[in-house]
Amino acid sequence: MTTLPMAQPPEEKTKEDENKTQAELDYDEAVEFMANDDMAQAANLFHNAFIGFEQDKDISGVAKASDRLGDICAMRKDFDGAKKHYDRAFEICQEAEDAFSILDLHKKIADLHAVCGKHKEAINLYLDVIDDLSAMKNHEGVIKTFEKMAGVYMEMGNREMAADCYRTAASIHQNFKHTRHAEALMKKAEEVLAEK
């Protein structure tokens, strides 16, 4: 016999929620809507949170809300809007010297450039991302970024550079004895060059 799920009581406000500003509550609610793929509601609440954070002079909150609004614009393929929001968040994070947020935004802006066909800008940002990830010893992130760069070089018609990206990523895998992954990337490099 199948049992039906019990109805959940409405969520009660916790002590933590009582100490939050309206902007923080809007932001948290927007994150939930975003997780449930309700982008229209999420966008409205992130916008409200953004305005509330500005009024409260909560610079960190403004950056967070801008970043999320950028994500929603990117999902909707409004790349100009996404870039505007990401740039706003980036300026704030740069002033705050928040290295992790800067790195995250660099990745998002690089991806935007790649999608919009701004290949040189994307490559330059991906190189910055690789430098930052290398400094953080995030080898998996470096490999993924080289693979993204290979895709951009392919779109540019530069098969040699695409193959070089795959070979570089393969050598990083090889350094960590990830033989199977290294071989797969070397094979990709060969396939890219064979397509000429």
Foldseek 3Di string as FASTA:
>chain_A
DDDDDDDDDPDDDDPVNVPDDQLVVLQVVLVVCVVVVVLVSSLVSLVVSLVVCVVVVVLQSVLVSLQVNLVSCVVVVVLVSNVVSLVSSLVSCVVVVVLVSNLVSLQVNLVSCLVVLVLVSNVVSLVVNLVSCVVVVVLVSNLVSLQVNLVSCVVVVNLQSSLVSLQVSLVSCVVVVVNVSSVVSNVVSVVSVVVD
